[in-house]
């Protein structure tokens, strides 16, 4: 079996875009060219990689596994291509940041925009992903700085741990909004919108309700805080969310309240422990740690873990 990188790149682009048209636009080649590369890959591997559903190409389970295996490699080439482009155009540098989803929709774009104001020639590489992938990207050098949920999976990463506050979000018409602080007893009849059972907020919420001897009524399970907040806005229930999504969403259909006992999220800013940061990276890291401090439980400076 002889796999060519261009075949894998086309496959990766189709998974990311969801359509051959989108993949063709991403790679700058024709739609027939993308289809031909995919057909070659399926012949070489003997795998059916996509099913068509409502006009979109849906990856098969085998395709999902293959995508995970090649994702870092393909993005790595994109990263090298961007670096060469920057050097050719004598740009002052590239800011390379990746973050988990909740911080990526409001907090991080605003911070990067502020950082960029006096750096018109700086290019920016920013991605949001799941925490395990972010750690892999920083480890491999695709990104200089990451914001990830704990635990840290690689001992060669340097990290700045922090405990972040969470709050209870509810629809503005929920009568429980009259309480300044909510408890398991007050919320005993409320349907909860929950992250997956392995997520730290789900585990800690479940432990708190069990200790209070109050049943936890799960109604919706999802994998993104932003999804849970969307359900809150529709009046489907209440949710434990970090402040990033709440503070940077200006929809007036929800309110948030403190919860006792407090539920925190363990997160970290991560960098490589084996490669020095660029000057841009050092400057942005200092700004990032300072701006994250108000969101932490103790409001103290965030220092590197020893």
C-alpha atoms as a PDB file:
ATOM      1  CA  UNK A   1       0.000   0.000   0.000  1.00  0.00           C
ATOM      2  CA  UNK A   2       1.446   3.363  -1.076  1.00  0.00           C
ATOM      3  CA  UNK A   3      -0.307   6.354   0.438  1.00  0.00           C
ATOM      4  CA  UNK A   4       0.507   9.812  -0.873  1.00  0.00           C
ATOM      5  CA  UNK A   5       0.378  12.884   1.328  1.00  0.00           C
ATOM      6  CA  UNK A   6      -1.887  14.702  -1.122  1.00  0.00           C
ATOM      7  CA  UNK A   7      -4.495  11.939  -0.729  1.00  0.00           C
ATOM      8  CA  UNK A   8      -4.388  12.277   3.051  1.00  0.00           C
ATOM      9  CA  UNK A   9      -4.523  16.063   2.790  1.00  0.00           C
ATOM     10  CA  UNK A  10      -7.621  15.874   0.580  1.00  0.00           C
ATOM     11  CA  UNK A  11      -9.277  13.406   2.971  1.00  0.00           C
ATOM     12  CA  UNK A  12      -8.467  15.668   5.946  1.00  0.00           C
ATOM     13  CA  UNK A  13      -9.911  18.701   4.148  1.00  0.00           C
ATOM     14  CA  UNK A  14     -13.162  16.859   3.348  1.00  0.00           C
ATOM     15  CA  UNK A  15     -13.586  15.840   7.002  1.00  0.00           C
ATOM     16  CA  UNK A  16     -12.956  19.408   8.161  1.00  0.00           C
ATOM     17  CA  UNK A  17     -15.182  21.066   5.529  1.00  0.00           C
ATOM     18  CA  UNK A  18     -17.905  18.415   5.294  1.00  0.00           C
ATOM     19  CA  UNK A  19     -18.164  18.770   1.531  1.00  0.00           C
ATOM     20  CA  UNK A  20     -15.998  18.233  -1.536  1.00  0.00           C
ATOM     21  CA  UNK A  21     -16.688  21.848  -2.533  1.00  0.00           C
ATOM     22  CA  UNK A  22     -15.398  23.154   0.783  1.00  0.00           C
ATOM     23  CA  UNK A  23     -12.326  20.922   0.608  1.00  0.00           C
ATOM     24  CA  UNK A  24     -11.562  22.100  -2.919  1.00  0.00           C
ATOM     25  CA  UNK A  25     -11.744  25.733  -1.802  1.00  0.00           C
ATOM     26  CA  UNK A  26      -9.472  25.013   1.173  1.00  0.00           C
ATOM     27  CA  UNK A  27      -6.784  23.331  -0.918  1.00  0.00           C
ATOM     28  CA  UNK A  28      -7.194  25.466  -4.014  1.00  0.00           C
ATOM     29  CA  UNK A  29      -7.790  22.577  -6.414  1.00  0.00           C
ATOM     30  CA  UNK A  30     -10.789  21.470  -8.445  1.00  0.00           C
ATOM     31  CA  UNK A  31     -13.686  19.423  -7.094  1.00  0.00           C
ATOM     32  CA  UNK A  32     -12.931  16.561  -9.529  1.00  0.00           C
ATOM     33  CA  UNK A  33      -9.349  16.637  -8.277  1.00  0.00           C
ATOM     34  CA  UNK A  34     -10.519  16.243  -4.660  1.00  0.00           C
ATOM     35  CA  UNK A  35     -12.913  13.432  -5.624  1.00  0.00           C
ATOM     36  CA  UNK A  36     -10.144  11.655  -7.533  1.00  0.00           C
ATOM     37  CA  UNK A  37      -7.739  11.852  -4.578  1.00  0.00           C
ATOM     38  CA  UNK A  38     -10.418  10.475  -2.246  1.00  0.00           C
ATOM     39  CA  UNK A  39     -11.190   7.621  -4.648  1.00  0.00           C
ATOM     40  CA  UNK A  40      -7.472   6.778  -4.825  1.00  0.00           C
ATOM     41  CA  UNK A  41      -7.220   6.724  -1.031  1.00  0.00           C
ATOM     42  CA  UNK A  42     -10.262   4.460  -0.671  1.00  0.00           C
ATOM     43  CA  UNK A  43      -8.813   2.067  -3.274  1.00  0.00           C
ATOM     44  CA  UNK A  44      -5.401   1.993  -1.593  1.00  0.00           C
ATOM     45  CA  UNK A  45      -6.833   1.401   1.889  1.00  0.00           C
ATOM     46  CA  UNK A  46      -9.807  -0.744   0.922  1.00  0.00           C
ATOM     47  CA  UNK A  47     -11.911   1.365   3.295  1.00  0.00           C
ATOM     48  CA  UNK A  48     -15.230   3.125   2.765  1.00  0.00           C
ATOM     49  CA  UNK A  49     -14.429   6.500   4.299  1.00  0.00           C
ATOM     50  CA  UNK A  50     -17.642   8.513   3.808  1.00  0.00           C
ATOM     51  CA  UNK A  51     -21.393   8.158   3.587  1.00  0.00           C
ATOM     52  CA  UNK A  52     -23.510  10.859   1.941  1.00  0.00           C
ATOM     53  CA  UNK A  53     -26.245  12.325   4.144  1.00  0.00           C
ATOM     54  CA  UNK A  54     -28.382  15.333   3.200  1.00  0.00           C
ATOM     55  CA  UNK A  55     -25.766  16.591   0.762  1.00  0.00           C
ATOM     56  CA  UNK A  56     -22.843  16.269   3.169  1.00  0.00           C
ATOM     57  CA  UNK A  57     -20.145  13.625   3.431  1.00  0.00           C
ATOM     58  CA  UNK A  58     -20.307  11.957   6.836  1.00  0.00           C
ATOM     59  CA  UNK A  59     -17.109  10.155   7.942  1.00  0.00           C
ATOM     60  CA  UNK A  60     -17.419   6.456   8.756  1.00  0.00           C
ATOM     61  CA  UNK A  61     -15.975   5.187  12.060  1.00  0.00           C
ATOM     62  CA  UNK A  62     -12.852   4.076  10.162  1.00  0.00           C
ATOM     63  CA  UNK A  63     -12.518   7.579   8.728  1.00  0.00           C
ATOM     64  CA  UNK A  64     -12.828   9.156  12.179  1.00  0.00           C
ATOM     65  CA  UNK A  65      -9.944   7.020  13.411  1.00  0.00           C
ATOM     66  CA  UNK A  66      -7.811   7.811  10.366  1.00  0.00           C
ATOM     67  CA  UNK A  67      -8.529  11.520  10.753  1.00  0.00           C
ATOM     68  CA  UNK A  68      -7.312  11.490  14.352  1.00  0.00           C
ATOM     69  CA  UNK A  69      -4.097   9.758  13.300  1.00  0.00           C
ATOM     70  CA  UNK A  70      -3.201  12.197  10.504  1.00  0.00           C
ATOM     71  CA  UNK A  71      -4.585  15.442  11.947  1.00  0.00           C
ATOM     72  CA  UNK A  72      -1.353  16.605  13.588  1.00  0.00           C
ATOM     73  CA  UNK A  73       0.734  15.656  10.545  1.00  0.00           C
ATOM     74  CA  UNK A  74      -1.454  17.597   8.097  1.00  0.00           C
ATOM     75  CA  UNK A  75      -1.692  20.636  10.338  1.00  0.00           C
ATOM     76  CA  UNK A  76       2.081  20.446  10.803  1.00  0.00           C
ATOM     77  CA  UNK A  77       2.637  20.911   7.077  1.00  0.00           C
ATOM     78  CA  UNK A  78       0.202  23.823   7.058  1.00  0.00           C
ATOM     79  CA  UNK A  79       2.184  25.314   9.938  1.00  0.00           C
ATOM     80  CA  UNK A  80       5.473  24.977   8.012  1.00  0.00           C
ATOM     81  CA  UNK A  81       3.887  26.495   4.902  1.00  0.00           C
ATOM     82  CA  UNK A  82       2.699  29.496   6.917  1.00  0.00           C
ATOM     83  CA  UNK A  83       6.162  29.917   8.475  1.00  0.00           C
ATOM     84  CA  UNK A  84       7.796  29.948   5.033  1.00  0.00           C
ATOM     85  CA  UNK A  85       5.226  32.497   3.810  1.00  0.00           C
ATOM     86  CA  UNK A  86       5.976  34.727   6.810  1.00  0.00           C
ATOM     87  CA  UNK A  87       9.719  34.552   6.167  1.00  0.00           C
ATOM     88  CA  UNK A  88       9.267  35.301   2.474  1.00  0.00           C
ATOM     89  CA  UNK A  89       7.211  38.367   3.317  1.00  0.00           C
ATOM     90  CA  UNK A  90       9.536  39.427   6.153  1.00  0.00           C
ATOM     91  CA  UNK A  91       6.720  39.487   8.683  1.00  0.00           C
ATOM     92  CA  UNK A  92       7.709  40.257  12.244  1.00  0.00           C
ATOM     93  CA  UNK A  93       6.447  36.954  13.566  1.00  0.00           C
ATOM     94  CA  UNK A  94       3.511  34.707  14.170  1.00  0.00           C
ATOM     95  CA  UNK A  95       1.460  34.357  17.316  1.00  0.00           C
ATOM     96  CA  UNK A  96       0.556  30.684  17.749  1.00  0.00           C
ATOM     97  CA  UNK A  97      -2.221  30.002  20.258  1.00  0.00           C
ATOM     98  CA  UNK A  98      -4.682  27.148  20.772  1.00  0.00           C
ATOM     99  CA  UNK A  99      -7.409  26.975  23.407  1.00  0.00           C
ATOM    100  CA  UNK A 100     -10.225  24.784  24.596  1.00  0.00           C
ATOM    101  CA  UNK A 101     -13.628  25.804  23.310  1.00  0.00           C
ATOM    102  CA  UNK A 102     -15.240  27.886  26.037  1.00  0.00           C
ATOM    103  CA  UNK A 103     -12.416  30.429  26.158  1.00  0.00           C
ATOM    104  CA  UNK A 104     -12.137  30.610  22.373  1.00  0.00           C
ATOM    105  CA  UNK A 105     -15.430  32.313  21.428  1.00  0.00           C
ATOM    106  CA  UNK A 106     -15.111  35.616  23.297  1.00  0.00           C
ATOM    107  CA  UNK A 107     -12.232  35.958  25.723  1.00  0.00           C
ATOM    108  CA  UNK A 108      -9.389  34.835  23.464  1.00  0.00           C
ATOM    109  CA  UNK A 109     -10.350  36.719  20.249  1.00  0.00           C
ATOM    110  CA  UNK A 110     -10.742  39.915  22.274  1.00  0.00           C
ATOM    111  CA  UNK A 111      -7.385  39.408  23.981  1.00  0.00           C
ATOM    112  CA  UNK A 112      -5.588  38.614  20.719  1.00  0.00           C
ATOM    113  CA  UNK A 113      -7.151  41.658  19.064  1.00  0.00           C
ATOM    114  CA  UNK A 114      -5.929  43.867  21.909  1.00  0.00           C
ATOM    115  CA  UNK A 115      -2.442  42.337  21.696  1.00  0.00           C
ATOM    116  CA  UNK A 116      -2.356  42.925  17.928  1.00  0.00           C
ATOM    117  CA  UNK A 117      -3.208  46.632  17.943  1.00  0.00           C
ATOM    118  CA  UNK A 118       0.399  47.828  17.786  1.00  0.00           C
ATOM    119  CA  UNK A 119       1.642  44.867  15.701  1.00  0.00           C
ATOM    120  CA  UNK A 120       0.181  45.315  12.202  1.00  0.00           C
ATOM    121  CA  UNK A 121       2.708  42.939  10.601  1.00  0.00           C
ATOM    122  CA  UNK A 122       2.130  40.084  13.034  1.00  0.00           C
ATOM    123  CA  UNK A 123       0.357  37.007  11.658  1.00  0.00           C
ATOM    124  CA  UNK A 124      -1.875  34.918  13.918  1.00  0.00           C
ATOM    125  CA  UNK A 125      -2.496  31.189  14.071  1.00  0.00           C
ATOM    126  CA  UNK A 126      -5.398  30.416  16.414  1.00  0.00           C
ATOM    127  CA  UNK A 127      -7.379  27.200  16.818  1.00  0.00           C
ATOM    128  CA  UNK A 128      -9.893  25.852  19.306  1.00  0.00           C
ATOM    129  CA  UNK A 129      -9.976  22.136  20.080  1.00  0.00           C
ATOM    130  CA  UNK A 130     -10.425  19.560  22.794  1.00  0.00           C
ATOM    131  CA  UNK A 131      -7.834  19.732  25.558  1.00  0.00           C
ATOM    132  CA  UNK A 132      -6.008  16.489  24.750  1.00  0.00           C
ATOM    133  CA  UNK A 133      -5.448  17.652  21.167  1.00  0.00           C
ATOM    134  CA  UNK A 134      -4.244  21.075  22.332  1.00  0.00           C
ATOM    135  CA  UNK A 135      -1.631  19.426  24.531  1.00  0.00           C
ATOM    136  CA  UNK A 136      -0.530  17.286  21.595  1.00  0.00           C
ATOM    137  CA  UNK A 137      -0.249  20.361  19.354  1.00  0.00           C
ATOM    138  CA  UNK A 138       1.886  22.294  21.863  1.00  0.00           C
ATOM    139  CA  UNK A 139       4.035  19.225  22.491  1.00  0.00           C
ATOM    140  CA  UNK A 140       4.688  18.780  18.767  1.00  0.00           C
ATOM    141  CA  UNK A 141       5.441  22.474  18.205  1.00  0.00           C
ATOM    142  CA  UNK A 142       2.385  23.324  16.118  1.00  0.00           C
ATOM    143  CA  UNK A 143       1.440  25.980  18.686  1.00  0.00           C
ATOM    144  CA  UNK A 144       3.549  27.836  21.232  1.00  0.00           C
ATOM    145  CA  UNK A 145       0.832  28.478  23.811  1.00  0.00           C
ATOM    146  CA  UNK A 146      -2.265  26.509  24.733  1.00  0.00           C
ATOM    147  CA  UNK A 147      -5.106  26.758  27.239  1.00  0.00           C
ATOM    148  CA  UNK A 148      -6.200  23.290  28.298  1.00  0.00           C
ATOM    149  CA  UNK A 149      -8.271  21.541  30.889  1.00  0.00           C
ATOM    150  CA  UNK A 150      -6.350  19.382  33.334  1.00  0.00           C
ATOM    151  CA  UNK A 151      -4.854  16.831  33.690  1.00  0.00           C
ATOM    152  CA  UNK A 152      -1.567  17.450  31.893  1.00  0.00           C
ATOM    153  CA  UNK A 153      -0.855  14.346  29.825  1.00  0.00           C
ATOM    154  CA  UNK A 154       2.830  14.912  28.965  1.00  0.00           C
ATOM    155  CA  UNK A 155       5.646  15.551  31.435  1.00  0.00           C
ATOM    156  CA  UNK A 156       7.564  17.660  28.887  1.00  0.00           C
ATOM    157  CA  UNK A 157       4.910  20.393  28.961  1.00  0.00           C
ATOM    158  CA  UNK A 158       5.394  23.404  31.198  1.00  0.00           C
ATOM    159  CA  UNK A 159       2.120  24.510  32.699  1.00  0.00           C
ATOM    160  CA  UNK A 160       0.536  27.255  34.761  1.00  0.00           C
ATOM    161  CA  UNK A 161      -2.363  25.687  36.703  1.00  0.00           C
ATOM    162  CA  UNK A 162      -5.454  27.576  37.784  1.00  0.00           C
ATOM    163  CA  UNK A 163      -8.831  26.910  39.349  1.00  0.00           C
ATOM    164  CA  UNK A 164     -11.628  28.693  37.535  1.00  0.00           C
ATOM    165  CA  UNK A 165     -14.996  29.740  38.906  1.00  0.00           C
ATOM    166  CA  UNK A 166     -18.241  28.350  37.552  1.00  0.00           C
ATOM    167  CA  UNK A 167     -21.785  29.604  37.931  1.00  0.00           C
ATOM    168  CA  UNK A 168     -25.310  28.302  37.394  1.00  0.00           C
ATOM    169  CA  UNK A 169     -26.926  29.626  34.221  1.00  0.00           C
ATOM    170  CA  UNK A 170     -30.704  29.660  33.879  1.00  0.00           C
ATOM    171  CA  UNK A 171     -33.382  31.236  31.701  1.00  0.00           C
ATOM    172  CA  UNK A 172     -34.221  34.767  32.819  1.00  0.00           C
ATOM    173  CA  UNK A 173     -37.829  33.735  33.515  1.00  0.00           C
ATOM    174  CA  UNK A 174     -36.847  30.932  35.885  1.00  0.00           C
ATOM    175  CA  UNK A 175     -38.278  31.945  39.307  1.00  0.00           C
ATOM    176  CA  UNK A 176     -35.108  30.691  41.022  1.00  0.00           C
ATOM    177  CA  UNK A 177     -33.237  33.721  39.699  1.00  0.00           C
ATOM    178  CA  UNK A 178     -34.422  35.547  42.824  1.00  0.00           C
ATOM    179  CA  UNK A 179     -31.769  33.636  44.811  1.00  0.00           C
ATOM    180  CA  UNK A 180     -28.285  35.159  44.964  1.00  0.00           C
ATOM    181  CA  UNK A 181     -26.765  31.762  45.776  1.00  0.00           C
ATOM    182  CA  UNK A 182     -28.148  28.405  44.666  1.00  0.00           C
ATOM    183  CA  UNK A 183     -27.728  25.058  46.441  1.00  0.00           C
ATOM    184  CA  UNK A 184     -28.576  21.437  45.617  1.00  0.00           C
ATOM    185  CA  UNK A 185     -31.647  21.726  47.844  1.00  0.00           C
ATOM    186  CA  UNK A 186     -32.941  24.767  45.950  1.00  0.00           C
ATOM    187  CA  UNK A 187     -32.253  23.081  42.604  1.00  0.00           C
ATOM    188  CA  UNK A 188     -33.678  19.667  43.517  1.00  0.00           C
ATOM    189  CA  UNK A 189     -36.521  19.846  40.982  1.00  0.00           C
ATOM    190  CA  UNK A 190     -34.587  21.554  38.174  1.00  0.00           C
ATOM    191  CA  UNK A 191     -33.554  19.634  35.026  1.00  0.00           C
ATOM    192  CA  UNK A 192     -29.805  19.975  34.434  1.00  0.00           C
ATOM    193  CA  UNK A 193     -28.003  20.425  31.127  1.00  0.00           C
ATOM    194  CA  UNK A 194     -24.746  18.565  31.569  1.00  0.00           C
ATOM    195  CA  UNK A 195     -21.375  17.985  30.008  1.00  0.00           C
ATOM    196  CA  UNK A 196     -20.448  14.342  29.452  1.00  0.00           C
ATOM    197  CA  UNK A 197     -20.119  12.102  32.521  1.00  0.00           C
ATOM    198  CA  UNK A 198     -16.308  12.230  32.399  1.00  0.00           C
ATOM    199  CA  UNK A 199     -16.132  16.022  32.409  1.00  0.00           C
ATOM    200  CA  UNK A 200     -14.918  17.539  35.669  1.00  0.00           C
ATOM    201  CA  UNK A 201     -17.972  19.788  36.095  1.00  0.00           C
ATOM    202  CA  UNK A 202     -20.301  16.802  35.735  1.00  0.00           C
ATOM    203  CA  UNK A 203     -18.330  14.712  38.234  1.00  0.00           C
ATOM    204  CA  UNK A 204     -18.076  17.464  40.816  1.00  0.00           C
ATOM    205  CA  UNK A 205     -21.736  18.438  40.449  1.00  0.00           C
ATOM    206  CA  UNK A 206     -22.774  14.793  40.860  1.00  0.00           C
ATOM    207  CA  UNK A 207     -20.612  14.474  43.998  1.00  0.00           C
ATOM    208  CA  UNK A 208     -22.113  17.608  45.526  1.00  0.00           C
ATOM    209  CA  UNK A 209     -25.686  16.416  44.902  1.00  0.00           C
ATOM    210  CA  UNK A 210     -24.904  12.946  46.278  1.00  0.00           C
ATOM    211  CA  UNK A 211     -23.409  14.449  49.437  1.00  0.00           C
ATOM    212  CA  UNK A 212     -26.533  16.587  49.870  1.00  0.00           C
ATOM    213  CA  UNK A 213     -28.707  13.490  49.245  1.00  0.00           C
ATOM    214  CA  UNK A 214     -30.497  15.306  46.434  1.00  0.00           C
ATOM    215  CA  UNK A 215     -31.114  13.553  43.094  1.00  0.00           C
ATOM    216  CA  UNK A 216     -29.430  15.180  40.099  1.00  0.00           C
ATOM    217  CA  UNK A 217     -31.923  15.345  37.216  1.00  0.00           C
ATOM    218  CA  UNK A 218     -30.004  15.299  33.929  1.00  0.00           C
ATOM    219  CA  UNK A 219     -32.037  16.305  30.873  1.00  0.00           C
ATOM    220  CA  UNK A 220     -29.543  17.183  28.140  1.00  0.00           C
ATOM    221  CA  UNK A 221     -25.955  15.992  27.706  1.00  0.00           C
ATOM    222  CA  UNK A 222     -23.572  17.743  25.341  1.00  0.00           C
ATOM    223  CA  UNK A 223     -19.843  18.233  24.783  1.00  0.00           C
ATOM    224  CA  UNK A 224     -19.560  22.038  24.625  1.00  0.00           C
ATOM    225  CA  UNK A 225     -20.469  24.702  27.183  1.00  0.00           C
ATOM    226  CA  UNK A 226     -21.712  26.851  24.298  1.00  0.00           C
ATOM    227  CA  UNK A 227     -24.238  24.151  23.413  1.00  0.00           C
ATOM    228  CA  UNK A 228     -25.458  23.957  27.013  1.00  0.00           C
ATOM    229  CA  UNK A 229     -25.911  27.718  27.147  1.00  0.00           C
ATOM    230  CA  UNK A 230     -27.971  27.575  23.937  1.00  0.00           C
ATOM    231  CA  UNK A 231     -30.324  25.100  25.651  1.00  0.00           C
ATOM    232  CA  UNK A 232     -30.482  27.363  28.727  1.00  0.00           C
ATOM    233  CA  UNK A 233     -31.653  30.219  26.493  1.00  0.00           C
ATOM    234  CA  UNK A 234     -34.476  27.993  25.252  1.00  0.00           C
ATOM    235  CA  UNK A 235     -35.627  27.293  28.814  1.00  0.00           C
ATOM    236  CA  UNK A 236     -34.625  23.623  28.767  1.00  0.00           C
ATOM    237  CA  UNK A 237     -32.977  23.656  32.190  1.00  0.00           C
ATOM    238  CA  UNK A 238     -30.019  24.984  34.175  1.00  0.00           C
ATOM    239  CA  UNK A 239     -26.304  24.389  33.617  1.00  0.00           C
ATOM    240  CA  UNK A 240     -22.957  24.713  35.359  1.00  0.00           C
ATOM    241  CA  UNK A 241     -20.816  26.899  33.090  1.00  0.00           C
ATOM    242  CA  UNK A 242     -17.512  28.677  33.368  1.00  0.00           C
ATOM    243  CA  UNK A 243     -17.524  32.461  33.258  1.00  0.00           C
ATOM    244  CA  UNK A 244     -15.907  32.750  29.828  1.00  0.00           C
ATOM    245  CA  UNK A 245     -19.054  31.747  28.004  1.00  0.00           C
ATOM    246  CA  UNK A 246     -21.288  33.740  30.345  1.00  0.00           C
ATOM    247  CA  UNK A 247     -19.304  36.986  30.406  1.00  0.00           C
ATOM    248  CA  UNK A 248     -18.858  37.136  26.631  1.00  0.00           C
ATOM    249  CA  UNK A 249     -22.397  36.194  25.587  1.00  0.00           C
ATOM    250  CA  UNK A 250     -24.594  39.272  25.470  1.00  0.00           C
ATOM    251  CA  UNK A 251     -27.925  37.528  24.883  1.00  0.00           C
ATOM    252  CA  UNK A 252     -30.424  38.728  27.509  1.00  0.00           C
ATOM    253  CA  UNK A 253     -32.358  35.447  27.726  1.00  0.00           C
ATOM    254  CA  UNK A 254     -30.271  34.028  30.570  1.00  0.00           C
ATOM    255  CA  UNK A 255     -28.940  35.000  33.986  1.00  0.00           C
ATOM    256  CA  UNK A 256     -26.288  33.390  36.158  1.00  0.00           C
ATOM    257  CA  UNK A 257     -25.983  32.837  39.886  1.00  0.00           C
ATOM    258  CA  UNK A 258     -23.344  31.552  42.289  1.00  0.00           C
ATOM    259  CA  UNK A 259     -23.564  27.942  43.448  1.00  0.00           C
ATOM    260  CA  UNK A 260     -22.673  26.581  46.870  1.00  0.00           C
ATOM    261  CA  UNK A 261     -20.691  24.540  47.492  1.00  0.00           C
ATOM    262  CA  UNK A 262     -18.475  25.989  44.803  1.00  0.00           C
ATOM    263  CA  UNK A 263     -17.659  23.901  41.721  1.00  0.00           C
ATOM    264  CA  UNK A 264     -14.375  24.763  40.048  1.00  0.00           C
ATOM    265  CA  UNK A 265     -12.655  23.771  36.824  1.00  0.00           C
ATOM    266  CA  UNK A 266      -8.978  22.807  36.811  1.00  0.00           C
ATOM    267  CA  UNK A 267      -7.272  24.333  33.786  1.00  0.00           C
ATOM    268  CA  UNK A 268      -3.793  25.357  32.738  1.00  0.00           C
ATOM    269  CA  UNK A 269      -1.919  27.536  30.311  1.00  0.00           C
ATOM    270  CA  UNK A 270       0.654  25.295  28.662  1.00  0.00           C
ATOM    271  CA  UNK A 271       3.915  25.778  26.761  1.00  0.00           C
ATOM    272  CA  UNK A 272       6.660  23.426  25.660  1.00  0.00           C
ATOM    273  CA  UNK A 273       9.199  22.510  28.313  1.00  0.00           C
ATOM    274  CA  UNK A 274      11.813  21.693  25.677  1.00  0.00           C
ATOM    275  CA  UNK A 275      11.621  24.703  23.318  1.00  0.00           C
ATOM    276  CA  UNK A 276      12.035  28.371  24.256  1.00  0.00           C
ATOM    277  CA  UNK A 277       9.189  30.746  23.533  1.00  0.00           C
ATOM    278  CA  UNK A 278       9.540  33.388  20.844  1.00  0.00           C
ATOM    279  CA  UNK A 279       9.580  37.004  21.979  1.00  0.00           C
ATOM    280  CA  UNK A 280       5.977  37.351  20.786  1.00  0.00           C
ATOM    281  CA  UNK A 281       5.070  34.234  22.727  1.00  0.00           C
ATOM    282  CA  UNK A 282       6.656  35.573  25.906  1.00  0.00           C
ATOM    283  CA  UNK A 283       4.802  38.864  25.632  1.00  0.00           C
ATOM    284  CA  UNK A 284       1.450  37.218  24.957  1.00  0.00           C
ATOM    285  CA  UNK A 285       1.928  34.650  27.733  1.00  0.00           C
ATOM    286  CA  UNK A 286       2.471  37.422  30.268  1.00  0.00           C
ATOM    287  CA  UNK A 287      -0.657  39.227  29.088  1.00  0.00           C
ATOM    288  CA  UNK A 288      -2.723  36.017  29.036  1.00  0.00           C
ATOM    289  CA  UNK A 289      -1.794  35.005  32.591  1.00  0.00           C
ATOM    290  CA  UNK A 290      -2.576  38.478  33.878  1.00  0.00           C
ATOM    291  CA  UNK A 291      -5.971  38.621  32.133  1.00  0.00           C
ATOM    292  CA  UNK A 292      -6.956  35.149  33.356  1.00  0.00           C
ATOM    293  CA  UNK A 293      -6.323  36.014  36.994  1.00  0.00           C
ATOM    294  CA  UNK A 294      -9.768  37.624  37.653  1.00  0.00           C
ATOM    295  CA  UNK A 295     -11.441  34.368  36.561  1.00  0.00           C
ATOM    296  CA  UNK A 296      -9.595  32.236  39.112  1.00  0.00           C
ATOM    297  CA  UNK A 297     -10.871  31.351  42.566  1.00  0.00           C
ATOM    298  CA  UNK A 298      -8.061  32.954  44.570  1.00  0.00           C
ATOM    299  CA  UNK A 299      -7.335  35.869  42.160  1.00  0.00           C
ATOM    300  CA  UNK A 300      -3.611  35.333  42.798  1.00  0.00           C
ATOM    301  CA  UNK A 301      -0.854  35.481  40.150  1.00  0.00           C
ATOM    302  CA  UNK A 302      -0.711  32.288  38.089  1.00  0.00           C
ATOM    303  CA  UNK A 303       2.729  30.696  38.445  1.00  0.00           C
ATOM    304  CA  UNK A 304       4.404  27.811  36.663  1.00  0.00           C
ATOM    305  CA  UNK A 305       3.929  24.374  38.222  1.00  0.00           C
ATOM    306  CA  UNK A 306       7.053  22.856  39.782  1.00  0.00           C
END
